Amino acid sequence: MSSGDAPGTPSRAASRRTWPVRLVALGAEPRDGLDRSTTPEERLAMVWSLTLEAWALCGRPMPAYTRTATPVRLIRNKRATGRLRDLADLERLEEEKG
């Protein structure tokens, strides 16, 4: 029993031993079928719920910035592809930046 467990209750480690676990090779994961049983709106709501929970658990305030101010690593990815469209986008972004 760990120090945080109440007397007479199973330890957290003992409880985890009963969790159902499957070993699956990377790339061979089964599809979860959510696309057949939920709408895109429902799946988005699930992700939003998880996002709120994750921010609450980390103890930091959730960022409040506009979509255009969202931090991304767009430039590096576009430069790495070398595609003409991406290079043109890069040029336009650099011009806008000044």
Protein backbone atom coordinates (compact mmCIF):
# COMPACT_ATOMS: atom_id res chain seq x y z
CA MET A 1 0.00 0.00 0.00
CA SER A 2 1.37 3.44 -0.85
CA SER A 3 1.46 6.20 1.74
CA GLY A 4 -1.55 8.00 0.16
CA ASP A 5 -3.92 5.02 0.18
CA ALA A 6 -6.52 4.57 2.89
CA PRO A 7 -6.23 1.43 5.03
CA GLY A 8 -8.22 -1.46 3.56
CA THR A 9 -8.27 -0.10 0.00
CA PRO A 10 -6.15 -1.48 -2.82
CA SER A 11 -3.13 0.56 -3.81
CA ARG A 12 -3.26 2.54 -7.05
CA ALA A 13 -0.71 0.15 -8.56
CA ALA A 14 -2.87 -2.84 -7.62
CA SER A 15 -5.91 -1.16 -9.17
CA ARG A 16 -4.02 -0.53 -12.41
CA ARG A 17 -3.25 -4.25 -12.73
CA THR A 18 -6.93 -4.83 -13.50
CA TRP A 19 -7.10 -2.28 -16.33
CA PRO A 20 -7.72 -3.85 -19.75
CA VAL A 21 -4.57 -3.45 -21.85
CA ARG A 22 -3.79 -4.58 -25.40
CA LEU A 23 -0.35 -4.64 -26.99
CA VAL A 24 -0.59 -3.40 -30.58
CA ALA A 25 2.25 -2.88 -33.05
CA LEU A 26 2.84 0.71 -34.12
CA GLY A 27 0.89 1.35 -37.31
CA ALA A 28 -1.45 -1.58 -36.71
CA GLU A 29 -3.77 0.22 -34.30
CA PRO A 30 -7.44 -0.68 -34.78
CA ARG A 31 -9.76 2.09 -35.90
CA ASP A 32 -11.93 3.31 -33.07
CA GLY A 33 -15.01 3.71 -35.25
CA LEU A 34 -15.90 7.13 -33.86
CA ASP A 35 -16.46 8.37 -37.39
CA ARG A 36 -19.35 5.91 -37.69
CA SER A 37 -20.92 6.53 -34.28
CA THR A 38 -20.48 10.29 -33.81
CA THR A 39 -20.80 13.47 -35.83
CA PRO A 40 -17.84 15.79 -36.47
CA GLU A 41 -19.45 18.25 -34.05
CA GLU A 42 -19.58 15.58 -31.33
CA ARG A 43 -15.94 14.65 -31.89
CA LEU A 44 -14.94 18.31 -31.72
CA ALA A 45 -16.85 18.64 -28.44
CA MET A 46 -14.92 15.63 -27.09
CA VAL A 47 -11.60 17.22 -28.00
CA TRP A 48 -12.67 20.56 -26.50
CA SER A 49 -13.63 18.85 -23.25
CA LEU A 50 -10.22 17.13 -23.12
CA THR A 51 -8.48 20.41 -23.94
CA LEU A 52 -10.19 22.22 -21.06
CA GLU A 53 -9.35 19.37 -18.70
CA ALA A 54 -5.70 19.33 -19.78
CA TRP A 55 -5.30 23.07 -19.21
CA ALA A 56 -6.99 22.79 -15.81
CA LEU A 57 -4.72 19.90 -14.79
CA CYS A 58 -1.52 21.69 -15.80
CA GLY A 59 -2.42 24.62 -13.56
CA ARG A 60 -1.78 27.25 -16.20
CA PRO A 61 -4.33 29.63 -17.69
CA MET A 62 -5.68 28.68 -21.08
CA PRO A 63 -4.29 31.01 -23.76
CA ALA A 64 -6.69 33.65 -25.03
CA TYR A 65 -5.40 34.76 -28.42
CA THR A 66 -7.09 35.16 -31.76
CA ARG A 67 -6.76 32.52 -34.45
CA THR A 68 -4.50 34.82 -36.49
CA ALA A 69 -2.21 35.25 -33.49
CA THR A 70 -1.99 31.51 -32.79
CA PRO A 71 1.67 30.49 -32.46
CA VAL A 72 2.65 28.00 -35.17
CA ARG A 73 5.79 26.74 -36.91
CA LEU A 74 4.53 27.36 -40.40
CA ILE A 75 7.64 28.92 -41.93
CA ARG A 76 10.01 26.03 -41.15
CA ASN A 77 7.56 23.47 -42.52
CA LYS A 78 6.91 25.44 -45.70
CA ARG A 79 10.63 25.96 -46.30
CA ALA A 80 11.32 22.26 -45.74
CA THR A 81 8.81 21.10 -48.38
CA GLY A 82 10.38 23.13 -51.17
CA ARG A 83 7.08 23.11 -53.12
CA LEU A 84 6.52 26.14 -55.34
CA ARG A 85 3.21 26.96 -53.64
CA ASP A 86 4.83 26.83 -50.19
CA LEU A 87 7.76 28.96 -51.31
CA ALA A 88 5.32 31.52 -52.75
CA ASP A 89 3.42 31.51 -49.44
CA LEU A 90 6.71 32.09 -47.63
CA GLU A 91 7.53 35.04 -49.83
CA ARG A 92 4.08 36.56 -49.23
CA LEU A 93 4.36 36.03 -45.45
CA GLU A 94 7.78 37.67 -45.35
CA GLU A 95 6.47 40.66 -47.34
CA GLU A 96 3.54 41.04 -44.92
CA LYS A 97 5.90 40.86 -41.99
CA GLY A 98 7.82 43.82 -43.39
